Amino acid sequence: MLNIIAWILLGLIAGAIGKAIYPGRQGGGIFATILLGIIGAFVGGTLVTLLQTGRFMLTGASLSIPGIFVAIIGAIIAIFIWEQFNRR
């Protein structure tokens, strides 16, 4: 149960900060922000694992200061990719 709460909290923090940093207006409410942050945690965690080990493994960032930083970067990447698909 605590892991679920930690993921929701990480998603909310990373998604909100990622939306605030990324230029333009991103729609969606609190649930979209949480989902964006959770996706960002997986994107960022996977990229960090790829850079550290050279292997592609789906991993998520943890609820820590470095984990939040990685999740924010992943959320910004996820917003960018989402906007690229929505433009077409």
N, C-alpha and C. Protein backbone atom coordinates (compact mmCIF):
# COMPACT_ATOMS: atom_id res chain seq x y z
N MET A 1 0.81 -1.19 0.00
CA MET A 1 0.00 0.00 0.00
C MET A 1 0.86 1.26 0.00
N LEU A 2 1.95 1.23 0.77
CA LEU A 2 2.82 2.40 0.83
C LEU A 2 3.53 2.64 -0.50
N ASN A 3 3.82 1.58 -1.24
CA ASN A 3 4.44 1.76 -2.55
C ASN A 3 3.51 2.49 -3.50
N ILE A 4 2.23 2.19 -3.45
CA ILE A 4 1.26 2.86 -4.31
C ILE A 4 1.18 4.34 -3.96
N ILE A 5 1.15 4.64 -2.67
CA ILE A 5 1.12 6.04 -2.25
C ILE A 5 2.39 6.76 -2.67
N ALA A 6 3.53 6.09 -2.55
CA ALA A 6 4.80 6.70 -2.97
C ALA A 6 4.81 6.99 -4.47
N TRP A 7 4.29 6.06 -5.28
CA TRP A 7 4.23 6.29 -6.73
C TRP A 7 3.29 7.43 -7.07
N ILE A 8 2.16 7.52 -6.38
CA ILE A 8 1.22 8.62 -6.63
C ILE A 8 1.86 9.95 -6.25
N LEU A 9 2.54 9.99 -5.11
CA LEU A 9 3.21 11.20 -4.68
C LEU A 9 4.33 11.59 -5.64
N LEU A 10 5.14 10.62 -6.05
CA LEU A 10 6.20 10.89 -7.02
C LEU A 10 5.61 11.39 -8.33
N GLY A 11 4.53 10.77 -8.78
CA GLY A 11 3.89 11.19 -10.02
C GLY A 11 3.35 12.60 -9.94
N LEU A 12 2.75 12.95 -8.81
CA LEU A 12 2.20 14.29 -8.63
C LEU A 12 3.31 15.34 -8.63
N ILE A 13 4.37 15.08 -7.88
CA ILE A 13 5.48 16.04 -7.80
C ILE A 13 6.15 16.20 -9.15
N ALA A 14 6.55 15.09 -9.76
CA ALA A 14 7.29 15.14 -11.03
C ALA A 14 6.42 15.68 -12.15
N GLY A 15 5.16 15.27 -12.20
CA GLY A 15 4.27 15.75 -13.25
C GLY A 15 4.00 17.24 -13.15
N ALA A 16 3.77 17.73 -11.93
CA ALA A 16 3.49 19.16 -11.74
C ALA A 16 4.71 20.01 -12.08
N ILE A 17 5.89 19.59 -11.63
CA ILE A 17 7.10 20.36 -11.93
C ILE A 17 7.44 20.27 -13.41
N GLY A 18 7.26 19.09 -14.00
CA GLY A 18 7.51 18.94 -15.44
C GLY A 18 6.59 19.82 -16.27
N LYS A 19 5.32 19.90 -15.90
CA LYS A 19 4.37 20.78 -16.60
C LYS A 19 4.73 22.25 -16.42
N ALA A 20 5.22 22.60 -15.23
CA ALA A 20 5.58 23.99 -14.97
C ALA A 20 6.83 24.40 -15.76
N ILE A 21 7.76 23.49 -15.94
CA ILE A 21 9.00 23.80 -16.65
C ILE A 21 8.79 23.84 -18.15
N TYR A 22 8.01 22.91 -18.68
CA TYR A 22 7.83 22.80 -20.12
C TYR A 22 7.03 24.00 -20.64
N PRO A 23 7.51 24.66 -21.71
CA PRO A 23 6.79 25.83 -22.21
C PRO A 23 5.44 25.46 -22.83
N GLY A 24 4.51 26.38 -22.75
CA GLY A 24 3.18 26.15 -23.30
C GLY A 24 2.23 25.64 -22.24
N ARG A 25 1.01 25.42 -22.67
CA ARG A 25 -0.02 24.94 -21.74
C ARG A 25 -0.30 23.48 -22.03
N GLN A 26 -0.22 22.67 -21.00
CA GLN A 26 -0.57 21.26 -21.11
C GLN A 26 -1.88 21.06 -20.39
N GLY A 27 -2.82 20.46 -21.06
CA GLY A 27 -4.12 20.23 -20.46
C GLY A 27 -4.09 19.09 -19.46
N GLY A 28 -5.23 18.80 -18.94
CA GLY A 28 -5.35 17.68 -18.01
C GLY A 28 -5.44 18.15 -16.58
N GLY A 29 -6.06 17.35 -15.78
CA GLY A 29 -6.23 17.66 -14.37
C GLY A 29 -5.19 16.96 -13.53
N ILE A 30 -5.55 16.71 -12.30
CA ILE A 30 -4.61 16.13 -11.35
C ILE A 30 -4.27 14.68 -11.70
N PHE A 31 -5.24 13.93 -12.21
CA PHE A 31 -4.96 12.54 -12.56
C PHE A 31 -4.03 12.45 -13.77
N ALA A 32 -4.21 13.34 -14.73
CA ALA A 32 -3.30 13.38 -15.88
C ALA A 32 -1.90 13.78 -15.44
N THR A 33 -1.80 14.68 -14.48
CA THR A 33 -0.50 15.09 -13.97
C THR A 33 0.19 13.95 -13.25
N ILE A 34 -0.55 13.21 -12.44
CA ILE A 34 0.02 12.05 -11.73
C ILE A 34 0.47 11.00 -12.74
N LEU A 35 -0.36 10.72 -13.73
CA LEU A 35 0.01 9.73 -14.75
C LEU A 35 1.24 10.18 -15.53
N LEU A 36 1.31 11.46 -15.86
CA LEU A 36 2.47 12.00 -16.54
C LEU A 36 3.73 11.81 -15.70
N GLY A 37 3.64 12.09 -14.40
CA GLY A 37 4.79 11.92 -13.52
C GLY A 37 5.22 10.47 -13.39
N ILE A 38 4.27 9.55 -13.33
CA ILE A 38 4.61 8.13 -13.25
C ILE A 38 5.26 7.67 -14.54
N ILE A 39 4.73 8.08 -15.67
CA ILE A 39 5.36 7.75 -16.96
C ILE A 39 6.75 8.36 -17.01
N GLY A 40 6.88 9.60 -16.53
CA GLY A 40 8.18 10.25 -16.48
C GLY A 40 9.17 9.51 -15.62
N ALA A 41 8.72 8.94 -14.51
CA ALA A 41 9.60 8.16 -13.64
C ALA A 41 10.14 6.93 -14.37
N PHE A 42 9.29 6.29 -15.15
CA PHE A 42 9.75 5.12 -15.91
C PHE A 42 10.66 5.53 -17.06
N VAL A 43 10.32 6.60 -17.76
CA VAL A 43 11.16 7.07 -18.87
C VAL A 43 12.53 7.49 -18.34
N GLY A 44 12.54 8.31 -17.29
CA GLY A 44 13.79 8.77 -16.72
C GLY A 44 14.60 7.64 -16.10
N GLY A 45 13.95 6.75 -15.38
CA GLY A 45 14.65 5.62 -14.78
C GLY A 45 15.26 4.70 -15.82
N THR A 46 14.55 4.48 -16.90
CA THR A 46 15.07 3.65 -17.99
C THR A 46 16.26 4.31 -18.66
N LEU A 47 16.19 5.62 -18.88
CA LEU A 47 17.31 6.33 -19.50
C LEU A 47 18.54 6.32 -18.61
N VAL A 48 18.36 6.53 -17.32
CA VAL A 48 19.50 6.50 -16.41
C VAL A 48 20.13 5.11 -16.37
N THR A 49 19.32 4.08 -16.33
CA THR A 49 19.84 2.71 -16.35
C THR A 49 20.59 2.44 -17.64
N LEU A 50 20.06 2.92 -18.76
CA LEU A 50 20.72 2.74 -20.05
C LEU A 50 22.07 3.45 -20.06
N LEU A 51 22.13 4.66 -19.54
CA LEU A 51 23.39 5.40 -19.52
C LEU A 51 24.40 4.80 -18.54
N GLN A 52 23.94 4.26 -17.42
CA GLN A 52 24.84 3.71 -16.42
C GLN A 52 25.36 2.32 -16.78
N THR A 53 24.49 1.47 -17.30
CA THR A 53 24.87 0.08 -17.55
C THR A 53 25.04 -0.26 -19.01
N GLY A 54 24.48 0.53 -19.89
CA GLY A 54 24.54 0.21 -21.31
C GLY A 54 23.48 -0.78 -21.74
N ARG A 55 22.59 -1.16 -20.83
CA ARG A 55 21.51 -2.10 -21.14
C ARG A 55 20.17 -1.41 -21.05
N PHE A 56 19.25 -1.79 -21.90
CA PHE A 56 17.90 -1.24 -21.90
C PHE A 56 17.02 -2.09 -21.01
N MET A 57 16.67 -1.55 -19.83
CA MET A 57 15.79 -2.24 -18.90
C MET A 57 14.75 -1.25 -18.40
N LEU A 58 13.50 -1.66 -18.33
CA LEU A 58 12.43 -0.80 -17.83
C LEU A 58 12.54 -0.73 -16.31
N THR A 59 12.99 0.42 -15.82
CA THR A 59 13.09 0.65 -14.39
C THR A 59 12.46 1.99 -14.05
N GLY A 60 12.01 2.12 -12.86
CA GLY A 60 11.39 3.36 -12.41
C GLY A 60 12.25 4.08 -11.40
N ALA A 61 12.10 5.37 -11.35
CA ALA A 61 12.81 6.17 -10.35
C ALA A 61 12.13 5.99 -9.00
N SER A 62 12.89 6.22 -7.95
CA SER A 62 12.34 6.06 -6.61
C SER A 62 11.94 7.42 -6.03
N LEU A 63 11.25 7.39 -4.91
CA LEU A 63 10.83 8.61 -4.23
C LEU A 63 11.99 9.10 -3.37
N SER A 64 12.93 9.76 -4.02
CA SER A 64 14.09 10.38 -3.38
C SER A 64 14.43 11.62 -4.18
N ILE A 65 15.35 12.42 -3.69
CA ILE A 65 15.70 13.65 -4.41
C ILE A 65 16.24 13.33 -5.81
N PRO A 66 17.22 12.42 -5.95
CA PRO A 66 17.66 12.09 -7.32
C PRO A 66 16.55 11.44 -8.15
N GLY A 67 15.71 10.64 -7.51
CA GLY A 67 14.61 10.00 -8.22
C GLY A 67 13.60 11.01 -8.74
N ILE A 68 13.31 12.02 -7.94
CA ILE A 68 12.38 13.07 -8.38
C ILE A 68 12.98 13.85 -9.55
N PHE A 69 14.28 14.15 -9.46
CA PHE A 69 14.96 14.86 -10.54
C PHE A 69 14.88 14.06 -11.85
N VAL A 70 15.15 12.77 -11.77
CA VAL A 70 15.09 11.90 -12.94
C VAL A 70 13.66 11.82 -13.48
N ALA A 71 12.69 11.74 -12.58
CA ALA A 71 11.28 11.66 -13.00
C ALA A 71 10.83 12.95 -13.67
N ILE A 72 11.32 14.09 -13.20
CA ILE A 72 10.99 15.37 -13.84
C ILE A 72 11.54 15.42 -15.26
N ILE A 73 12.77 15.00 -15.42
CA ILE A 73 13.36 14.96 -16.78
C ILE A 73 12.56 14.01 -17.67
N GLY A 74 12.19 12.86 -17.13
CA GLY A 74 11.36 11.92 -17.89
C GLY A 74 10.00 12.49 -18.24
N ALA A 75 9.40 13.25 -17.32
CA ALA A 75 8.10 13.87 -17.59
C ALA A 75 8.20 14.90 -18.70
N ILE A 76 9.29 15.67 -18.70
CA ILE A 76 9.49 16.66 -19.77
C ILE A 76 9.65 15.95 -21.11
N ILE A 77 10.39 14.86 -21.12
CA ILE A 77 10.54 14.07 -22.36
C ILE A 77 9.20 13.51 -22.80
N ALA A 78 8.40 13.01 -21.85
CA ALA A 78 7.08 12.46 -22.18
C ALA A 78 6.15 13.54 -22.74
N ILE A 79 6.19 14.75 -22.18
CA ILE A 79 5.38 15.85 -22.71
C ILE A 79 5.80 16.17 -24.14
N PHE A 80 7.11 16.23 -24.37
CA PHE A 80 7.61 16.52 -25.71
C PHE A 80 7.14 15.46 -26.72
N ILE A 81 7.27 14.21 -26.37
CA ILE A 81 6.85 13.12 -27.27
C ILE A 81 5.34 13.19 -27.51
N TRP A 82 4.55 13.44 -26.45
CA TRP A 82 3.10 13.53 -26.58
C TRP A 82 2.72 14.67 -27.53
N GLU A 83 3.37 15.81 -27.40
CA GLU A 83 3.05 16.94 -28.28
C GLU A 83 3.44 16.67 -29.73
N GLN A 84 4.50 15.91 -29.94
CA GLN A 84 4.90 15.56 -31.30
C GLN A 84 3.85 14.68 -31.97
N PHE A 85 3.26 13.75 -31.21
CA PHE A 85 2.22 12.89 -31.77
C PHE A 85 0.90 13.63 -31.95
N ASN A 86 0.62 14.59 -31.08
CA ASN A 86 -0.64 15.34 -31.17
C ASN A 86 -0.66 16.35 -32.29
N ARG A 87 0.47 16.81 -32.75
CA ARG A 87 0.51 17.80 -33.82
C ARG A 87 0.07 17.22 -35.16
N ARG A 88 0.22 15.92 -35.32
CA ARG A 88 -0.08 15.30 -36.61
C ARG A 88 -1.50 14.96 -36.76
